[in-house]
Amino acid sequence: MVGTGIFTSLFGVGFWANVHNFYYYLIVQMLAGMFQSTGWPSVVAVVGNWFGKRKRGLIMGIWNAHTSVGNISGSLIASAMLSYGWGWSFVLPGLLIAFVGLLVFLLLPVSPEAVGADKDEDELNSPDKAGEGVTEPLLTPESDVKQEAVGFIEAWKIPGVAPFALCLFFSKLVAYTFLYWLPFYISHTAIDGKYLSDGTSGNLSTIFDVGGVVGGILAGHVSDRLDARAITAASFISLRGNSRALATVTSIIDGTGSVGAALGPLLTGYISSKSWSAVFTMLMAAALVAGLLLTRLVVAEVAAKIAASRSQGSPTSRAPAAPFDV
């Protein structure tokens, strides 16, 4: 977070330094992105350390809303600072994230054990949910064995990694295209015969991320209520007890999504010069593919639920009849 803040601020410094070199902004942006990429895998591991399974869907939904909240806050701050010079639209958010990064470093314990607290009671006492132990452990979970990171190719072979990674690729392609291009599109499209200012367009574009906050929290709550994540959990059960392996898988999924986040806005720049209708067609197709990639997992989840319901409804054995007294 500190590194991201520094390089984001350096991007804005180019305004006062009168820098007009394309490669300066390209390199600074790449370095900022490199530091950002370390955040998601690390935080996933920390959240997993602190919360058990009972409300994990809701917790992850609330936590994952940070992306949309950050997009909204960043857009509002950037829009408000435009009148003082576009450099402040980067320097102020950069300073904020660097400050918060220092707070996280000083105040955030990575696990309950780090502060002498017990693990979540639900994690310790509750049995595994049905379907969570259907795969053979990939790694030895014993604590006396040194944890080793899973190889890149080996991690891709874990069931569920490829579909989730590709799903995030297309999902981020759509999300980041809206993030970067929606303000531009709104400001260059006449609404009731009028063109909105850059600041107003930036504020209006945040409505897209408001839906992300609501949808993420709602999806997590529904996941907890329906208990419909056994297949997902089973796909990654082989990583239990090895946080380094989990970080590798998380990095692969997030990294693949980041490729989509970079590719979407790039393609939009070329396609929009010919037709914005083609851009929206591309985004609809990407969203459709993202959904289809999870279809197989959804079907397997539903089939497992139906099988579990039938097994509970049919008696496995008959009780012996009581003898009659004569």
Protein backbone atom coordinates (compact mmCIF):
# COMPACT_ATOMS: atom_id res chain seq x y z
CA MET A 1 0.00 0.00 0.00
CA VAL A 2 2.85 2.38 0.77
CA GLY A 3 4.56 1.56 -2.53
CA THR A 4 1.29 2.02 -4.41
CA GLY A 5 0.78 5.38 -2.74
CA ILE A 6 4.27 6.58 -3.62
CA PHE A 7 4.04 5.74 -7.31
CA THR A 8 0.46 6.98 -7.60
CA SER A 9 1.63 10.30 -6.16
CA LEU A 10 4.58 10.36 -8.57
CA PHE A 11 2.09 10.04 -11.42
CA GLY A 12 0.45 13.26 -10.24
CA VAL A 13 3.78 15.00 -9.66
CA GLY A 14 4.18 14.98 -13.44
CA PHE A 15 1.61 17.80 -13.53
CA TRP A 16 3.79 20.25 -11.60
CA ALA A 17 7.07 18.92 -13.02
CA ASN A 18 5.66 19.51 -16.51
CA VAL A 19 6.53 15.97 -17.57
CA HIS A 20 5.32 15.09 -21.06
CA ASN A 21 7.24 11.85 -21.53
CA PHE A 22 4.94 8.90 -22.22
CA TYR A 23 7.39 6.37 -20.79
CA TYR A 24 7.55 8.19 -17.45
CA TYR A 25 3.83 7.67 -16.90
CA LEU A 26 3.95 4.14 -18.29
CA ILE A 27 6.74 3.03 -15.94
CA VAL A 28 5.22 4.76 -12.90
CA GLN A 29 1.85 3.14 -13.60
CA MET A 30 3.45 -0.29 -14.04
CA LEU A 31 5.32 0.02 -10.73
CA ALA A 32 2.15 1.14 -8.96
CA GLY A 33 0.32 -1.87 -10.39
CA MET A 34 3.12 -4.20 -9.29
CA PHE A 35 2.73 -3.07 -5.68
CA GLN A 36 -1.07 -3.27 -5.91
CA SER A 37 -0.90 -6.89 -7.08
CA THR A 38 0.54 -7.99 -3.72
CA GLY A 39 -2.49 -6.80 -1.79
CA TRP A 40 -5.34 -9.12 -2.72
CA PRO A 41 -3.62 -12.50 -2.11
CA SER A 42 -2.26 -11.31 1.24
CA VAL A 43 -5.56 -9.93 2.48
CA VAL A 44 -7.46 -13.07 1.43
CA ALA A 45 -5.12 -15.10 3.65
CA VAL A 46 -5.59 -12.70 6.59
CA VAL A 47 -9.40 -12.70 6.30
CA GLY A 48 -9.35 -16.50 6.12
CA ASN A 49 -7.29 -16.62 9.33
CA TRP A 50 -9.78 -14.53 11.28
CA PHE A 51 -13.19 -15.81 10.22
CA GLY A 52 -14.71 -19.29 10.29
CA LYS A 53 -17.05 -20.95 7.82
CA ARG A 54 -20.46 -20.11 9.25
CA LYS A 55 -20.63 -16.51 8.00
CA ARG A 56 -17.67 -16.55 5.62
CA GLY A 57 -19.82 -15.80 2.58
CA LEU A 58 -21.25 -12.65 4.16
CA ILE A 59 -17.86 -11.62 5.57
CA MET A 60 -16.15 -12.05 2.20
CA GLY A 61 -19.01 -10.21 0.50
CA ILE A 62 -18.64 -7.24 2.86
CA TRP A 63 -14.85 -7.32 2.57
CA ASN A 64 -14.90 -7.61 -1.23
CA ALA A 65 -17.06 -4.48 -1.39
CA HIS A 66 -13.82 -2.58 -0.76
CA THR A 67 -13.14 -2.69 -4.50
CA SER A 68 -16.33 -0.85 -5.38
CA VAL A 69 -16.07 1.49 -2.38
CA GLY A 70 -12.52 2.35 -3.42
CA ASN A 71 -13.58 2.96 -7.01
CA ILE A 72 -16.38 5.24 -5.83
CA SER A 73 -14.14 7.13 -3.40
CA GLY A 74 -11.35 7.48 -5.95
CA SER A 75 -13.71 8.79 -8.63
CA LEU A 76 -15.29 11.29 -6.25
CA ILE A 77 -11.91 12.52 -4.97
CA ALA A 78 -10.50 12.80 -8.49
CA SER A 79 -13.58 14.70 -9.68
CA ALA A 80 -13.41 17.10 -6.73
CA MET A 81 -9.69 17.77 -7.22
CA LEU A 82 -9.86 18.46 -10.96
CA SER A 83 -10.52 22.16 -10.41
CA TYR A 84 -7.20 22.45 -8.53
CA GLY A 85 -5.21 20.66 -11.24
CA TRP A 86 -5.31 17.03 -12.36
CA GLY A 87 -2.14 16.27 -10.39
CA TRP A 88 -4.08 16.43 -7.13
CA SER A 89 -6.39 13.68 -8.44
CA PHE A 90 -3.42 11.31 -8.08
CA VAL A 91 -1.38 12.84 -5.26
CA LEU A 92 -4.19 13.00 -2.69
CA PRO A 93 -5.37 9.37 -3.15
CA GLY A 94 -1.71 8.29 -3.19
CA LEU A 95 -1.04 9.96 0.15
CA LEU A 96 -4.22 8.47 1.62
CA ILE A 97 -3.38 4.89 0.65
CA ALA A 98 0.20 5.27 1.91
CA PHE A 99 -1.10 6.54 5.27
CA VAL A 100 -3.61 3.70 5.56
CA GLY A 101 -0.85 1.25 4.64
CA LEU A 102 1.19 2.43 7.61
CA LEU A 103 -1.85 2.00 9.88
CA VAL A 104 -2.36 -1.55 8.59
CA PHE A 105 1.30 -2.38 9.16
CA LEU A 106 1.20 -1.10 12.73
CA LEU A 107 -2.25 -2.27 13.84
CA LEU A 108 -3.34 -5.36 11.87
CA PRO A 109 -2.54 -8.77 13.43
CA VAL A 110 -2.35 -11.42 10.71
CA SER A 111 -4.06 -14.11 12.81
CA PRO A 112 -5.84 -14.57 16.17
CA GLU A 113 -2.80 -16.43 17.50
CA ALA A 114 -0.66 -13.32 16.95
CA VAL A 115 -2.59 -11.53 19.71
CA GLY A 116 -3.17 -14.56 21.92
CA ALA A 117 -6.78 -15.12 20.83
CA ASP A 118 -8.37 -18.47 20.06
CA LYS A 119 -9.44 -19.51 16.60
CA ASP A 120 -13.05 -19.00 15.57
CA GLU A 121 -15.24 -21.37 17.60
CA ASP A 122 -17.11 -22.37 14.46
CA GLU A 123 -13.83 -23.33 12.77
CA LEU A 124 -12.69 -25.45 15.71
CA ASN A 125 -15.85 -27.29 16.68
CA SER A 126 -18.03 -27.68 13.62
CA PRO A 127 -17.61 -30.69 11.35
CA ASP A 128 -16.80 -30.18 7.68
CA LYS A 129 -19.81 -29.52 5.48
CA ALA A 130 -20.93 -32.17 3.04
CA GLY A 131 -18.84 -32.24 -0.09
CA GLU A 132 -15.85 -30.40 1.36
CA GLY A 133 -13.61 -33.42 1.66
CA VAL A 134 -14.10 -35.11 -1.67
CA THR A 135 -10.59 -34.56 -2.99
CA GLU A 136 -7.35 -36.16 -1.96
CA PRO A 137 -5.06 -33.70 -0.16
CA LEU A 138 -2.46 -32.31 -2.52
CA LEU A 139 -0.16 -31.29 0.31
CA THR A 140 0.60 -32.83 3.69
CA PRO A 141 -1.25 -30.77 6.32
CA GLU A 142 0.80 -31.85 9.32
CA SER A 143 2.24 -28.91 11.19
CA ASP A 144 5.67 -30.53 11.56
CA VAL A 145 6.22 -30.49 7.80
CA LYS A 146 7.73 -27.34 6.38
CA GLN A 147 5.23 -25.51 4.19
CA GLU A 148 6.21 -25.31 0.55
CA ALA A 149 4.65 -23.23 -2.18
CA VAL A 150 2.80 -25.04 -4.95
CA GLY A 151 4.37 -24.77 -8.40
CA PHE A 152 2.73 -22.60 -11.04
CA ILE A 153 1.71 -25.47 -13.33
CA GLU A 154 0.68 -27.65 -10.38
CA ALA A 155 -1.57 -24.90 -9.08
CA TRP A 156 -3.34 -24.59 -12.44
CA LYS A 157 -4.16 -28.32 -12.30
CA ILE A 158 -6.11 -27.97 -9.04
CA PRO A 159 -9.83 -28.42 -9.83
CA GLY A 160 -11.61 -25.10 -10.06
CA VAL A 161 -8.57 -22.86 -10.47
CA ALA A 162 -8.78 -22.47 -14.27
CA PRO A 163 -12.55 -21.75 -14.42
CA PHE A 164 -12.34 -19.21 -11.59
CA ALA A 165 -9.24 -17.55 -13.08
CA LEU A 166 -10.78 -17.23 -16.55
CA CYS A 167 -14.09 -16.08 -15.06
CA LEU A 168 -12.26 -13.30 -13.21
CA PHE A 169 -10.39 -12.47 -16.44
CA PHE A 170 -13.62 -11.67 -18.28
CA SER A 171 -15.29 -10.12 -15.22
CA LYS A 172 -12.42 -7.69 -14.66
CA LEU A 173 -12.29 -6.96 -18.38
CA VAL A 174 -15.84 -5.65 -18.09
CA ALA A 175 -15.44 -3.93 -14.71
CA TYR A 176 -12.24 -2.06 -15.51
CA THR A 177 -13.47 -1.00 -18.93
CA PHE A 178 -16.37 0.70 -17.18
CA LEU A 179 -14.04 2.12 -14.52
CA TYR A 180 -11.68 3.78 -17.00
CA TRP A 181 -13.96 4.57 -19.94
CA LEU A 182 -17.40 5.26 -18.46
CA PRO A 183 -16.59 8.87 -17.37
CA PHE A 184 -15.19 9.58 -20.85
CA TYR A 185 -18.22 8.03 -22.54
CA ILE A 186 -20.67 10.01 -20.38
CA SER A 187 -18.86 13.32 -20.92
CA HIS A 188 -18.80 12.81 -24.71
CA THR A 189 -22.42 11.67 -25.04
CA ALA A 190 -25.20 14.23 -25.19
CA ILE A 191 -27.86 13.78 -22.50
CA ASP A 192 -31.01 15.75 -23.29
CA GLY A 193 -28.94 17.66 -25.82
CA LYS A 194 -26.30 18.68 -23.26
CA TYR A 195 -22.80 17.43 -22.50
CA LEU A 196 -21.89 16.92 -18.85
CA SER A 197 -18.69 18.27 -17.32
CA ASP A 198 -15.78 15.97 -16.50
CA GLY A 199 -16.48 16.26 -12.78
CA THR A 200 -20.17 15.45 -13.14
CA SER A 201 -19.39 12.55 -15.46
CA GLY A 202 -16.97 11.12 -12.91
CA ASN A 203 -19.55 11.36 -10.15
CA LEU A 204 -22.26 9.79 -12.29
CA SER A 205 -20.02 6.86 -13.24
CA THR A 206 -19.82 5.76 -9.59
CA ILE A 207 -23.38 4.39 -9.80
CA PHE A 208 -21.94 1.34 -11.55
CA ASP A 209 -19.85 0.51 -8.46
CA VAL A 210 -22.78 1.09 -6.09
CA GLY A 211 -24.31 -2.00 -7.68
CA GLY A 212 -21.06 -3.85 -7.00
CA VAL A 213 -21.29 -3.12 -3.27
CA VAL A 214 -24.91 -4.28 -3.01
CA GLY A 215 -24.41 -7.30 -5.25
CA GLY A 216 -21.30 -8.54 -3.47
CA ILE A 217 -22.83 -8.39 0.00
CA LEU A 218 -26.10 -9.95 -1.22
CA ALA A 219 -24.25 -12.78 -2.97
CA GLY A 220 -22.30 -13.56 0.20
CA HIS A 221 -25.47 -13.60 2.29
CA VAL A 222 -27.25 -15.89 -0.17
CA SER A 223 -24.20 -18.18 -0.18
CA ASP A 224 -24.43 -18.53 3.60
CA ARG A 225 -28.19 -19.09 3.63
CA LEU A 226 -28.20 -21.70 0.86
CA ASP A 227 -24.91 -23.26 1.97
CA ALA A 228 -24.09 -23.53 -1.74
CA ARG A 229 -20.34 -23.43 -1.73
CA ALA A 230 -19.39 -27.06 -1.05
CA ILE A 231 -18.02 -27.58 -4.56
CA THR A 232 -15.97 -24.42 -4.32
CA ALA A 233 -14.57 -25.46 -0.96
CA ALA A 234 -13.87 -28.98 -2.19
CA SER A 235 -11.83 -27.60 -5.07
CA PHE A 236 -9.42 -25.94 -2.67
CA ILE A 237 -9.55 -28.37 0.27
CA SER A 238 -6.22 -29.79 -0.89
CA LEU A 239 -4.58 -26.52 0.17
CA ARG A 240 -5.68 -26.79 3.79
CA GLY A 241 -2.85 -26.16 6.22
CA ASN A 242 -0.58 -24.53 3.64
CA SER A 243 -1.01 -20.76 3.42
CA ARG A 244 1.84 -20.43 0.93
CA ALA A 245 0.07 -22.76 -1.49
CA LEU A 246 -3.16 -20.83 -1.01
CA ALA A 247 -1.31 -17.60 -1.79
CA THR A 248 -0.02 -19.13 -5.04
CA VAL A 249 -3.51 -20.12 -6.17
CA THR A 250 -4.94 -16.76 -5.13
CA SER A 251 -2.19 -14.97 -7.03
CA ILE A 252 -2.91 -16.99 -10.17
CA ILE A 253 -6.62 -16.18 -10.06
CA ASP A 254 -6.08 -12.50 -9.29
CA GLY A 255 -3.22 -12.22 -11.79
CA THR A 256 -5.33 -13.69 -14.57
CA GLY A 257 -8.06 -11.22 -13.69
CA SER A 258 -5.55 -8.37 -13.83
CA VAL A 259 -4.64 -9.36 -17.39
CA GLY A 260 -8.29 -8.92 -18.29
CA ALA A 261 -8.35 -5.59 -16.44
CA ALA A 262 -5.47 -4.38 -18.62
CA LEU A 263 -6.78 -5.85 -21.87
CA GLY A 264 -10.35 -4.51 -21.65
CA PRO A 265 -9.53 -0.77 -21.57
CA LEU A 266 -6.82 -1.31 -24.21
CA LEU A 267 -9.24 -2.97 -26.64
CA THR A 268 -11.84 -0.31 -25.91
CA GLY A 269 -9.43 2.38 -27.03
CA TYR A 270 -9.17 0.79 -30.46
CA ILE A 271 -12.77 -0.35 -30.85
CA SER A 272 -14.39 2.90 -29.63
CA SER A 273 -12.73 4.84 -32.45
CA LYS A 274 -14.97 2.92 -34.84
CA SER A 275 -18.13 2.24 -32.86
CA TRP A 276 -19.24 2.41 -29.24
CA SER A 277 -21.91 -0.14 -30.05
CA ALA A 278 -19.13 -2.62 -30.79
CA VAL A 279 -17.61 -1.85 -27.38
CA PHE A 280 -20.84 -2.70 -25.57
CA THR A 281 -21.21 -5.84 -27.65
CA MET A 282 -17.72 -6.88 -26.54
CA LEU A 283 -18.60 -6.21 -22.90
CA MET A 284 -21.84 -8.20 -23.10
CA ALA A 285 -20.02 -11.12 -24.71
CA ALA A 286 -17.32 -11.04 -22.02
CA ALA A 287 -19.93 -11.01 -19.24
CA LEU A 288 -21.71 -13.95 -20.87
CA VAL A 289 -18.50 -15.98 -21.12
CA ALA A 290 -17.70 -15.21 -17.46
CA GLY A 291 -21.05 -16.66 -16.45
CA LEU A 292 -20.74 -19.71 -18.70
CA LEU A 293 -17.36 -20.59 -17.20
CA LEU A 294 -19.08 -21.19 -13.87
CA THR A 295 -21.98 -23.18 -15.33
CA ARG A 296 -20.28 -26.53 -14.80
CA LEU A 297 -19.61 -25.74 -11.14
CA VAL A 298 -23.19 -24.55 -10.66
CA VAL A 299 -24.57 -27.77 -12.19
CA ALA A 300 -22.31 -29.86 -9.95
CA GLU A 301 -23.41 -27.85 -6.91
CA VAL A 302 -27.10 -28.32 -7.70
CA ALA A 303 -26.61 -32.05 -8.36
CA ALA A 304 -24.82 -32.44 -5.02
CA LYS A 305 -27.66 -30.62 -3.25
CA ILE A 306 -30.29 -32.86 -4.87
CA ALA A 307 -28.34 -36.01 -4.02
CA ALA A 308 -27.91 -34.90 -0.40
CA SER A 309 -31.62 -34.10 -0.13
CA ARG A 310 -32.60 -37.53 -1.47
CA SER A 311 -30.21 -39.36 0.84
CA GLN A 312 -31.65 -37.57 3.86
CA GLY A 313 -35.22 -38.34 2.80
CA SER A 314 -34.76 -42.10 2.31
CA PRO A 315 -34.15 -44.34 5.38
CA THR A 316 -30.89 -46.26 5.19
CA SER A 317 -32.02 -49.12 7.34
CA ARG A 318 -35.17 -50.41 8.94
CA ALA A 319 -35.44 -50.78 12.69
CA PRO A 320 -36.11 -54.37 13.87
CA ALA A 321 -39.69 -55.07 14.93
CA ALA A 322 -40.33 -55.35 18.65
CA PRO A 323 -41.28 -58.88 19.82
CA PHE A 324 -44.90 -59.53 20.85
CA ASP A 325 -45.58 -60.67 24.37
CA VAL A 326 -47.82 -63.76 24.47
